[in-house]
PDB file of N, CA and C in Angstrom:
ATOM      1  N   UNK A   1      10.303  39.852 -14.428  1.00  0.00           N
ATOM      2  CA  UNK A   1      10.445  38.695 -13.568  1.00  0.00           C
ATOM      3  C   UNK A   1      10.088  37.444 -14.378  1.00  0.00           C
ATOM      4  N   UNK A   2      10.950  36.445 -14.310  1.00  0.00           N
ATOM      5  CA  UNK A   2      10.719  35.198 -15.041  1.00  0.00           C
ATOM      6  C   UNK A   2       9.669  34.367 -14.319  1.00  0.00           C
ATOM      7  N   UNK A   3       8.827  33.729 -15.090  1.00  0.00           N
ATOM      8  CA  UNK A   3       7.841  32.840 -14.476  1.00  0.00           C
ATOM      9  C   UNK A   3       8.501  31.501 -14.184  1.00  0.00           C
ATOM     10  N   UNK A   4       8.125  30.875 -13.076  1.00  0.00           N
ATOM     11  CA  UNK A   4       8.737  29.591 -12.740  1.00  0.00           C
ATOM     12  C   UNK A   4       8.368  28.525 -13.778  1.00  0.00           C
ATOM     13  N   UNK A   5       9.294  27.623 -14.018  1.00  0.00           N
ATOM     14  CA  UNK A   5       9.047  26.546 -14.968  1.00  0.00           C
ATOM     15  C   UNK A   5       7.964  25.627 -14.416  1.00  0.00           C
ATOM     16  N   UNK A   6       7.104  25.192 -15.315  1.00  0.00           N
ATOM     17  CA  UNK A   6       6.045  24.268 -14.932  1.00  0.00           C
ATOM     18  C   UNK A   6       6.639  22.874 -14.764  1.00  0.00           C
ATOM     19  N   UNK A   7       6.233  22.208 -13.711  1.00  0.00           N
ATOM     20  CA  UNK A   7       6.690  20.836 -13.495  1.00  0.00           C
ATOM     21  C   UNK A   7       6.092  19.925 -14.562  1.00  0.00           C
ATOM     22  N   UNK A   8       6.751  18.819 -14.777  1.00  0.00           N
ATOM     23  CA  UNK A   8       6.348  17.865 -15.800  1.00  0.00           C
ATOM     24  C   UNK A   8       5.612  16.696 -15.173  1.00  0.00           C
ATOM     25  N   UNK A   9       4.607  16.189 -15.867  1.00  0.00           N
ATOM     26  CA  UNK A   9       3.955  14.951 -15.453  1.00  0.00           C
ATOM     27  C   UNK A   9       4.656  13.801 -16.161  1.00  0.00           C
ATOM     28  N   UNK A  10       5.193  12.881 -15.383  1.00  0.00           N
ATOM     29  CA  UNK A  10       5.927  11.726 -15.900  1.00  0.00           C
ATOM     30  C   UNK A  10       5.049  10.492 -15.787  1.00  0.00           C
ATOM     31  N   UNK A  11       4.854   9.785 -16.894  1.00  0.00           N
ATOM     32  CA  UNK A  11       4.157   8.502 -16.862  1.00  0.00           C
ATOM     33  C   UNK A  11       5.214   7.432 -16.619  1.00  0.00           C
ATOM     34  N   UNK A  12       5.173   6.842 -15.438  1.00  0.00           N
ATOM     35  CA  UNK A  12       6.184   5.888 -15.013  1.00  0.00           C
ATOM     36  C   UNK A  12       5.603   4.480 -15.104  1.00  0.00           C
ATOM     37  N   UNK A  13       6.323   3.598 -15.772  1.00  0.00           N
ATOM     38  CA  UNK A  13       5.980   2.181 -15.814  1.00  0.00           C
ATOM     39  C   UNK A  13       7.180   1.441 -15.240  1.00  0.00           C
ATOM     40  N   UNK A  14       6.973   0.796 -14.105  1.00  0.00           N
ATOM     41  CA  UNK A  14       8.067   0.084 -13.443  1.00  0.00           C
ATOM     42  C   UNK A  14       7.675  -1.386 -13.270  1.00  0.00           C
ATOM     43  N   UNK A  15       8.424  -2.281 -13.903  1.00  0.00           N
ATOM     44  CA  UNK A  15       8.090  -3.706 -13.788  1.00  0.00           C
ATOM     45  C   UNK A  15       8.539  -4.278 -12.441  1.00  0.00           C
ATOM     46  N   UNK A  16       7.899  -5.358 -12.067  1.00  0.00           N
ATOM     47  CA  UNK A  16       8.343  -6.113 -10.900  1.00  0.00           C
ATOM     48  C   UNK A  16       9.479  -7.032 -11.313  1.00  0.00           C
ATOM     49  N   UNK A  17      10.321  -7.354 -10.343  1.00  0.00           N
ATOM     50  CA  UNK A  17      11.365  -8.341 -10.580  1.00  0.00           C
ATOM     51  C   UNK A  17      10.725  -9.729 -10.636  1.00  0.00           C
ATOM     52  N   UNK A  18      11.370 -10.625 -11.328  1.00  0.00           N
ATOM     53  CA  UNK A  18      10.913 -12.014 -11.426  1.00  0.00           C
ATOM     54  C   UNK A  18      10.759 -12.607 -10.025  1.00  0.00           C
ATOM     55  N   UNK A  19       9.639 -13.251  -9.781  1.00  0.00           N
ATOM     56  CA  UNK A  19       9.418 -13.941  -8.515  1.00  0.00           C
ATOM     57  C   UNK A  19       9.101 -13.047  -7.331  1.00  0.00           C
ATOM     58  N   UNK A  20       8.691 -11.801  -7.574  1.00  0.00           N
ATOM     59  CA  UNK A  20       8.454 -10.850  -6.477  1.00  0.00           C
ATOM     60  C   UNK A  20       7.015 -10.823  -5.981  1.00  0.00           C
ATOM     61  N   UNK A  21       6.174 -11.704  -6.497  1.00  0.00           N
ATOM     62  CA  UNK A  21       4.739 -11.674  -6.180  1.00  0.00           C
ATOM     63  C   UNK A  21       4.470 -11.701  -4.667  1.00  0.00           C
ATOM     64  N   UNK A  22       5.020 -12.665  -3.969  1.00  0.00           N
ATOM     65  CA  UNK A  22       4.740 -12.801  -2.542  1.00  0.00           C
ATOM     66  C   UNK A  22       5.279 -11.612  -1.755  1.00  0.00           C
ATOM     67  N   UNK A  23       6.464 -11.134  -2.107  1.00  0.00           N
ATOM     68  CA  UNK A  23       7.049  -9.969  -1.427  1.00  0.00           C
ATOM     69  C   UNK A  23       6.177  -8.740  -1.656  1.00  0.00           C
ATOM     70  N   UNK A  24       5.651  -8.575  -2.870  1.00  0.00           N
ATOM     71  CA  UNK A  24       4.761  -7.440  -3.176  1.00  0.00           C
ATOM     72  C   UNK A  24       3.567  -7.457  -2.228  1.00  0.00           C
ATOM     73  N   UNK A  25       2.941  -8.612  -2.094  1.00  0.00           N
ATOM     74  CA  UNK A  25       1.776  -8.707  -1.220  1.00  0.00           C
ATOM     75  C   UNK A  25       2.152  -8.452   0.239  1.00  0.00           C
ATOM     76  N   UNK A  26       3.319  -8.915   0.643  1.00  0.00           N
ATOM     77  CA  UNK A  26       3.779  -8.758   2.017  1.00  0.00           C
ATOM     78  C   UNK A  26       4.003  -7.287   2.389  1.00  0.00           C
ATOM     79  N   UNK A  27       4.614  -6.506   1.499  1.00  0.00           N
ATOM     80  CA  UNK A  27       4.949  -5.113   1.833  1.00  0.00           C
ATOM     81  C   UNK A  27       3.920  -4.106   1.306  1.00  0.00           C
ATOM     82  N   UNK A  28       2.891  -4.599   0.674  1.00  0.00           N
ATOM     83  CA  UNK A  28       1.864  -3.728   0.079  1.00  0.00           C
ATOM     84  C   UNK A  28       1.305  -2.685   1.050  1.00  0.00           C
ATOM     85  N   UNK A  29       0.941  -3.064   2.296  1.00  0.00           N
ATOM     86  CA  UNK A  29       0.438  -2.039   3.231  1.00  0.00           C
ATOM     87  C   UNK A  29       1.462  -0.929   3.500  1.00  0.00           C
ATOM     88  N   UNK A  30       2.741  -1.280   3.601  1.00  0.00           N
ATOM     89  CA  UNK A  30       3.781  -0.271   3.817  1.00  0.00           C
ATOM     90  C   UNK A  30       3.920   0.631   2.596  1.00  0.00           C
ATOM     91  N   UNK A  31       3.759   0.054   1.407  1.00  0.00           N
ATOM     92  CA  UNK A  31       3.817   0.849   0.176  1.00  0.00           C
ATOM     93  C   UNK A  31       2.697   1.895   0.177  1.00  0.00           C
ATOM     94  N   UNK A  32       1.477   1.459   0.490  1.00  0.00           N
ATOM     95  CA  UNK A  32       0.344   2.389   0.505  1.00  0.00           C
ATOM     96  C   UNK A  32       0.549   3.486   1.548  1.00  0.00           C
ATOM     97  N   UNK A  33       1.090   3.127   2.704  1.00  0.00           N
ATOM     98  CA  UNK A  33       1.368   4.126   3.745  1.00  0.00           C
ATOM     99  C   UNK A  33       2.425   5.119   3.251  1.00  0.00           C
ATOM    100  N   UNK A  34       3.435   4.610   2.571  1.00  0.00           N
ATOM    101  CA  UNK A  34       4.536   5.445   2.104  1.00  0.00           C
ATOM    102  C   UNK A  34       4.177   6.420   0.999  1.00  0.00           C
ATOM    103  N   UNK A  35       3.128   6.125   0.234  1.00  0.00           N
ATOM    104  CA  UNK A  35       2.772   7.025  -0.871  1.00  0.00           C
ATOM    105  C   UNK A  35       1.710   8.066  -0.492  1.00  0.00           C
ATOM    106  N   UNK A  36       1.182   7.971   0.721  1.00  0.00           N
ATOM    107  CA  UNK A  36       0.116   8.901   1.132  1.00  0.00           C
ATOM    108  C   UNK A  36       0.509  10.368   0.965  1.00  0.00           C
ATOM    109  N   UNK A  37       1.704  10.730   1.402  1.00  0.00           N
ATOM    110  CA  UNK A  37       2.104  12.143   1.337  1.00  0.00           C
ATOM    111  C   UNK A  37       2.229  12.613  -0.114  1.00  0.00           C
ATOM    112  N   UNK A  38       2.664  11.723  -1.010  1.00  0.00           N
ATOM    113  CA  UNK A  38       2.767  12.077  -2.433  1.00  0.00           C
ATOM    114  C   UNK A  38       1.371  12.274  -3.044  1.00  0.00           C
ATOM    115  N   UNK A  39       0.429  11.442  -2.624  1.00  0.00           N
ATOM    116  CA  UNK A  39      -0.952  11.581  -3.109  1.00  0.00           C
ATOM    117  C   UNK A  39      -1.579  12.871  -2.585  1.00  0.00           C
ATOM    118  N   UNK A  40      -1.403  13.124  -1.300  1.00  0.00           N
ATOM    119  CA  UNK A  40      -1.996  14.312  -0.677  1.00  0.00           C
ATOM    120  C   UNK A  40      -1.430  15.606  -1.236  1.00  0.00           C
ATOM    121  N   UNK A  41      -0.150  15.605  -1.590  1.00  0.00           N
ATOM    122  CA  UNK A  41       0.477  16.811  -2.135  1.00  0.00           C
ATOM    123  C   UNK A  41       0.176  17.003  -3.619  1.00  0.00           C
ATOM    124  N   UNK A  42      -0.359  15.964  -4.265  1.00  0.00           N
ATOM    125  CA  UNK A  42      -0.624  16.040  -5.702  1.00  0.00           C
ATOM    126  C   UNK A  42       0.569  15.648  -6.550  1.00  0.00           C
ATOM    127  N   UNK A  43       1.661  15.224  -5.912  1.00  0.00           N
ATOM    128  CA  UNK A  43       2.830  14.823  -6.691  1.00  0.00           C
ATOM    129  C   UNK A  43       2.587  13.494  -7.406  1.00  0.00           C
ATOM    130  N   UNK A  44       1.764  12.623  -6.816  1.00  0.00           N
ATOM    131  CA  UNK A  44       1.305  11.417  -7.504  1.00  0.00           C
ATOM    132  C   UNK A  44      -0.125  11.703  -7.952  1.00  0.00           C
ATOM    133  N   UNK A  45      -0.327  11.794  -9.263  1.00  0.00           N
ATOM    134  CA  UNK A  45      -1.652  12.097  -9.803  1.00  0.00           C
ATOM    135  C   UNK A  45      -2.546  10.864  -9.783  1.00  0.00           C
ATOM    136  N   UNK A  46      -1.980   9.725 -10.167  1.00  0.00           N
ATOM    137  CA  UNK A  46      -2.709   8.458 -10.160  1.00  0.00           C
ATOM    138  C   UNK A  46      -1.703   7.338 -10.357  1.00  0.00           C
ATOM    139  N   UNK A  47      -2.141   6.140 -10.110  1.00  0.00           N
ATOM    140  CA  UNK A  47      -1.258   5.006 -10.297  1.00  0.00           C
ATOM    141  C   UNK A  47      -1.926   3.728  -9.861  1.00  0.00           C
ATOM    142  N   UNK A  48      -1.217   2.637 -10.057  1.00  0.00           N
ATOM    143  CA  UNK A  48      -1.741   1.353  -9.633  1.00  0.00           C
ATOM    144  C   UNK A  48      -0.964   0.216 -10.246  1.00  0.00           C
ATOM    145  N   UNK A  49      -1.353  -0.965  -9.836  1.00  0.00           N
ATOM    146  CA  UNK A  49      -0.702  -2.173 -10.335  1.00  0.00           C
ATOM    147  C   UNK A  49      -1.073  -2.423 -11.786  1.00  0.00           C
ATOM    148  N   UNK A  50      -0.138  -3.014 -12.498  1.00  0.00           N
ATOM    149  CA  UNK A  50      -0.381  -3.501 -13.853  1.00  0.00           C
ATOM    150  C   UNK A  50      -0.407  -5.016 -13.748  1.00  0.00           C
ATOM    151  N   UNK A  51      -1.441  -5.608 -14.283  1.00  0.00           N
ATOM    152  CA  UNK A  51      -1.610  -7.046 -14.187  1.00  0.00           C
ATOM    153  C   UNK A  51      -1.370  -7.720 -15.530  1.00  0.00           C
ATOM    154  N   UNK A  52      -0.803  -8.914 -15.470  1.00  0.00           N
ATOM    155  CA  UNK A  52      -0.704  -9.735 -16.679  1.00  0.00           C
ATOM    156  C   UNK A  52      -2.079 -10.265 -17.049  1.00  0.00           C
ATOM    157  N   UNK A  53      -2.851 -10.608 -16.017  1.00  0.00           N
ATOM    158  CA  UNK A  53      -4.234 -11.010 -16.198  1.00  0.00           C
ATOM    159  C   UNK A  53      -4.943 -10.920 -14.857  1.00  0.00           C
ATOM    160  N   UNK A  54      -6.247 -10.775 -14.879  1.00  0.00           N
ATOM    161  CA  UNK A  54      -7.033 -10.690 -13.656  1.00  0.00           C
ATOM    162  C   UNK A  54      -7.673 -12.054 -13.414  1.00  0.00           C
ATOM    163  N   UNK A  55      -7.481 -12.614 -12.222  1.00  0.00           N
ATOM    164  CA  UNK A  55      -8.114 -13.909 -11.946  1.00  0.00           C
ATOM    165  C   UNK A  55      -9.626 -13.751 -11.827  1.00  0.00           C
ATOM    166  N   UNK A  56     -10.328 -14.779 -12.149  1.00  0.00           N
ATOM    167  CA  UNK A  56     -11.796 -14.726 -12.116  1.00  0.00           C
ATOM    168  C   UNK A  56     -12.343 -14.469 -10.717  1.00  0.00           C
ATOM    169  N   UNK A  57     -11.606 -14.908  -9.678  1.00  0.00           N
ATOM    170  CA  UNK A  57     -12.112 -14.733  -8.320  1.00  0.00           C
ATOM    171  C   UNK A  57     -11.818 -13.349  -7.736  1.00  0.00           C
ATOM    172  N   UNK A  58     -10.966 -12.527  -8.405  1.00  0.00           N
ATOM    173  CA  UNK A  58     -10.660 -11.175  -7.940  1.00  0.00           C
ATOM    174  C   UNK A  58      -9.787 -11.116  -6.701  1.00  0.00           C
ATOM    175  N   UNK A  59      -9.278 -12.222  -6.235  1.00  0.00           N
ATOM    176  CA  UNK A  59      -8.437 -12.283  -5.038  1.00  0.00           C
ATOM    177  C   UNK A  59      -7.029 -11.804  -5.373  1.00  0.00           C
ATOM    178  N   UNK A  60      -6.512 -10.756  -4.685  1.00  0.00           N
ATOM    179  CA  UNK A  60      -5.163 -10.245  -4.975  1.00  0.00           C
ATOM    180  C   UNK A  60      -4.071 -11.308  -4.849  1.00  0.00           C
ATOM    181  N   UNK A  61      -4.295 -12.306  -4.004  1.00  0.00           N
ATOM    182  CA  UNK A  61      -3.319 -13.391  -3.871  1.00  0.00           C
ATOM    183  C   UNK A  61      -3.129 -14.122  -5.201  1.00  0.00           C
ATOM    184  N   UNK A  62      -4.144 -14.089  -6.044  1.00  0.00           N
ATOM    185  CA  UNK A  62      -4.104 -14.804  -7.321  1.00  0.00           C
ATOM    186  C   UNK A  62      -3.800 -13.897  -8.509  1.00  0.00           C
ATOM    187  N   UNK A  63      -3.589 -12.596  -8.263  1.00  0.00           N
ATOM    188  CA  UNK A  63      -3.266 -11.680  -9.356  1.00  0.00           C
ATOM    189  C   UNK A  63      -1.911 -12.044  -9.941  1.00  0.00           C
ATOM    190  N   UNK A  64      -1.773 -11.845 -11.220  1.00  0.00           N
ATOM    191  CA  UNK A  64      -0.489 -12.007 -11.897  1.00  0.00           C
ATOM    192  C   UNK A  64       0.033 -10.598 -12.186  1.00  0.00           C
ATOM    193  N   UNK A  65       0.855 -10.069 -11.271  1.00  0.00           N
ATOM    194  CA  UNK A  65       1.345  -8.698 -11.381  1.00  0.00           C
ATOM    195  C   UNK A  65       2.461  -8.593 -12.414  1.00  0.00           C
ATOM    196  N   UNK A  66       2.403  -7.537 -13.221  1.00  0.00           N
ATOM    197  CA  UNK A  66       3.510  -7.184 -14.115  1.00  0.00           C
ATOM    198  C   UNK A  66       4.396  -6.140 -13.434  1.00  0.00           C
ATOM    199  N   UNK A  67       3.754  -5.177 -12.778  1.00  0.00           N
ATOM    200  CA  UNK A  67       4.476  -4.075 -12.152  1.00  0.00           C
ATOM    201  C   UNK A  67       3.496  -2.987 -11.762  1.00  0.00           C
ATOM    202  N   UNK A  68       3.930  -1.730 -11.907  1.00  0.00           N
ATOM    203  CA  UNK A  68       3.107  -0.594 -11.505  1.00  0.00           C
ATOM    204  C   UNK A  68       3.236   0.546 -12.502  1.00  0.00           C
ATOM    205  N   UNK A  69       2.214   1.390 -12.520  1.00  0.00           N
ATOM    206  CA  UNK A  69       2.279   2.653 -13.258  1.00  0.00           C
ATOM    207  C   UNK A  69       1.937   3.770 -12.280  1.00  0.00           C
ATOM    208  N   UNK A  70       2.567   4.925 -12.511  1.00  0.00           N
ATOM    209  CA  UNK A  70       2.311   6.103 -11.675  1.00  0.00           C
ATOM    210  C   UNK A  70       2.471   7.337 -12.563  1.00  0.00           C
ATOM    211  N   UNK A  71       1.618   8.308 -12.375  1.00  0.00           N
ATOM    212  CA  UNK A  71       1.853   9.622 -12.976  1.00  0.00           C
ATOM    213  C   UNK A  71       2.420  10.492 -11.863  1.00  0.00           C
ATOM    214  N   UNK A  72       3.695  10.877 -12.032  1.00  0.00           N
ATOM    215  CA  UNK A  72       4.426  11.642 -11.024  1.00  0.00           C
ATOM    216  C   UNK A  72       4.682  13.050 -11.547  1.00  0.00           C
ATOM    217  N   UNK A  73       4.420  14.050 -10.722  1.00  0.00           N
ATOM    218  CA  UNK A  73       4.726  15.435 -11.058  1.00  0.00           C
ATOM    219  C   UNK A  73       6.096  15.750 -10.454  1.00  0.00           C
ATOM    220  N   UNK A  74       7.061  16.076 -11.331  1.00  0.00           N
ATOM    221  CA  UNK A  74       8.427  16.324 -10.872  1.00  0.00           C
ATOM    222  C   UNK A  74       9.159  17.197 -11.882  1.00  0.00           C
ATOM    223  N   UNK A  75      10.273  17.760 -11.442  1.00  0.00           N
ATOM    224  CA  UNK A  75      11.087  18.598 -12.321  1.00  0.00           C
ATOM    225  C   UNK A  75      11.922  17.776 -13.290  1.00  0.00           C
ATOM    226  N   UNK A  76      12.471  16.652 -12.813  1.00  0.00           N
ATOM    227  CA  UNK A  76      13.411  15.890 -13.634  1.00  0.00           C
ATOM    228  C   UNK A  76      13.172  14.390 -13.509  1.00  0.00           C
ATOM    229  N   UNK A  77      13.714  13.670 -14.460  1.00  0.00           N
ATOM    230  CA  UNK A  77      13.686  12.211 -14.421  1.00  0.00           C
ATOM    231  C   UNK A  77      14.405  11.712 -13.167  1.00  0.00           C
ATOM    232  N   UNK A  78      15.507  12.357 -12.816  1.00  0.00           N
ATOM    233  CA  UNK A  78      16.283  11.964 -11.645  1.00  0.00           C
ATOM    234  C   UNK A  78      15.459  12.087 -10.367  1.00  0.00           C
ATOM    235  N   UNK A  79      14.626  13.127 -10.287  1.00  0.00           N
ATOM    236  CA  UNK A  79      13.755  13.295  -9.122  1.00  0.00           C
ATOM    237  C   UNK A  79      12.765  12.138  -9.030  1.00  0.00           C
ATOM    238  N   UNK A  80      12.218  11.743 -10.163  1.00  0.00           N
ATOM    239  CA  UNK A  80      11.281  10.615 -10.197  1.00  0.00           C
ATOM    240  C   UNK A  80      11.993   9.341  -9.740  1.00  0.00           C
ATOM    241  N   UNK A  81      13.164   9.087 -10.298  1.00  0.00           N
ATOM    242  CA  UNK A  81      13.910   7.874  -9.935  1.00  0.00           C
ATOM    243  C   UNK A  81      14.267   7.859  -8.456  1.00  0.00           C
ATOM    244  N   UNK A  82      14.600   9.013  -7.897  1.00  0.00           N
ATOM    245  CA  UNK A  82      14.924   9.103  -6.475  1.00  0.00           C
ATOM    246  C   UNK A  82      13.724   8.711  -5.622  1.00  0.00           C
ATOM    247  N   UNK A  83      12.548   9.167  -6.007  1.00  0.00           N
ATOM    248  CA  UNK A  83      11.321   8.811  -5.288  1.00  0.00           C
ATOM    249  C   UNK A  83      11.105   7.298  -5.353  1.00  0.00           C
ATOM    250  N   UNK A  84      11.250   6.729  -6.540  1.00  0.00           N
ATOM    251  CA  UNK A  84      11.032   5.292  -6.721  1.00  0.00           C
ATOM    252  C   UNK A  84      12.027   4.466  -5.904  1.00  0.00           C
ATOM    253  N   UNK A  85      13.263   4.902  -5.875  1.00  0.00           N
ATOM    254  CA  UNK A  85      14.304   4.142  -5.168  1.00  0.00           C
ATOM    255  C   UNK A  85      14.078   4.111  -3.656  1.00  0.00           C
ATOM    256  N   UNK A  86      13.333   5.084  -3.130  1.00  0.00           N
ATOM    257  CA  UNK A  86      13.058   5.133  -1.692  1.00  0.00           C
ATOM    258  C   UNK A  86      11.772   4.405  -1.307  1.00  0.00           C
ATOM    259  N   UNK A  87      11.036   3.905  -2.284  1.00  0.00           N
ATOM    260  CA  UNK A  87       9.786   3.194  -2.024  1.00  0.00           C
ATOM    261  C   UNK A  87      10.088   1.794  -1.489  1.00  0.00           C
ATOM    262  N   UNK A  88       9.246   1.298  -0.598  1.00  0.00           N
ATOM    263  CA  UNK A  88       9.412  -0.035  -0.019  1.00  0.00           C
ATOM    264  C   UNK A  88       9.408  -1.123  -1.101  1.00  0.00           C
ATOM    265  N   UNK A  89       8.702  -0.905  -2.202  1.00  0.00           N
ATOM    266  CA  UNK A  89       8.708  -1.902  -3.275  1.00  0.00           C
ATOM    267  C   UNK A  89      10.117  -2.050  -3.858  1.00  0.00           C
ATOM    268  N   UNK A  90      10.847  -0.954  -3.984  1.00  0.00           N
ATOM    269  CA  UNK A  90      12.224  -1.037  -4.478  1.00  0.00           C
ATOM    270  C   UNK A  90      13.142  -1.579  -3.393  1.00  0.00           C
ATOM    271  N   UNK A  91      13.025  -1.030  -2.201  1.00  0.00           N
ATOM    272  CA  UNK A  91      13.903  -1.433  -1.103  1.00  0.00           C
ATOM    273  C   UNK A  91      13.777  -2.910  -0.749  1.00  0.00           C
ATOM    274  N   UNK A  92      12.594  -3.490  -0.966  1.00  0.00           N
ATOM    275  CA  UNK A  92      12.376  -4.898  -0.612  1.00  0.00           C
ATOM    276  C   UNK A  92      12.571  -5.843  -1.801  1.00  0.00           C
ATOM    277  N   UNK A  93      12.921  -5.291  -2.964  1.00  0.00           N
ATOM    278  CA  UNK A  93      13.208  -6.143  -4.112  1.00  0.00           C
ATOM    279  C   UNK A  93      12.022  -6.471  -4.999  1.00  0.00           C
ATOM    280  N   UNK A  94      10.948  -5.695  -4.908  1.00  0.00           N
ATOM    281  CA  UNK A  94       9.784  -5.929  -5.773  1.00  0.00           C
ATOM    282  C   UNK A  94       9.975  -5.233  -7.120  1.00  0.00           C
ATOM    283  N   UNK A  95      10.164  -3.913  -7.098  1.00  0.00           N
ATOM    284  CA  UNK A  95      10.305  -3.152  -8.338  1.00  0.00           C
ATOM    285  C   UNK A  95      11.708  -3.298  -8.924  1.00  0.00           C
ATOM    286  N   UNK A  96      11.758  -3.374 -10.228  1.00  0.00           N
ATOM    287  CA  UNK A  96      13.034  -3.385 -10.959  1.00  0.00           C
ATOM    288  C   UNK A  96      13.243  -1.990 -11.552  1.00  0.00           C
ATOM    289  N   UNK A  97      13.780  -1.065 -10.741  1.00  0.00           N
ATOM    290  CA  UNK A  97      13.918   0.323 -11.174  1.00  0.00           C
ATOM    291  C   UNK A  97      14.950   0.503 -12.292  1.00  0.00           C
ATOM    292  N   UNK A  98      15.760  -0.508 -12.529  1.00  0.00           N
ATOM    293  CA  UNK A  98      16.703  -0.446 -13.645  1.00  0.00           C
ATOM    294  C   UNK A  98      15.978  -0.525 -14.988  1.00  0.00           C
ATOM    295  N   UNK A  99      14.714  -0.958 -14.962  1.00  0.00           N
ATOM    296  CA  UNK A  99      13.936  -1.112 -16.198  1.00  0.00           C
ATOM    297  C   UNK A  99      12.772  -0.127 -16.293  1.00  0.00           C
ATOM    298  N   UNK A 100      12.825   0.949 -15.496  1.00  0.00           N
ATOM    299  CA  UNK A 100      11.751   1.956 -15.526  1.00  0.00           C
ATOM    300  C   UNK A 100      11.688   2.572 -16.910  1.00  0.00           C
TER     301      UNK A 100
END
């Protein structure tokens, strides 16, 4: 009997589109809600925003976002891209998935 292939951990770096800062903040709660099942299942190992710089006051409104990183457990690159394309950040025009 063949053993099943081990899934791959993909380090995903997805930049934000130019001028998406306000939209990112607006849909952020929906993004966090949408990734819960991936976190709970272990398909998302870790992730978070990538910043150009951190403001001294620590206020997210003043963050200079570059994009996001995620470690995704998946069989293929296409599976990872499919997950990203269904995220509210992509659907609302925050993430530039063409540059993943």
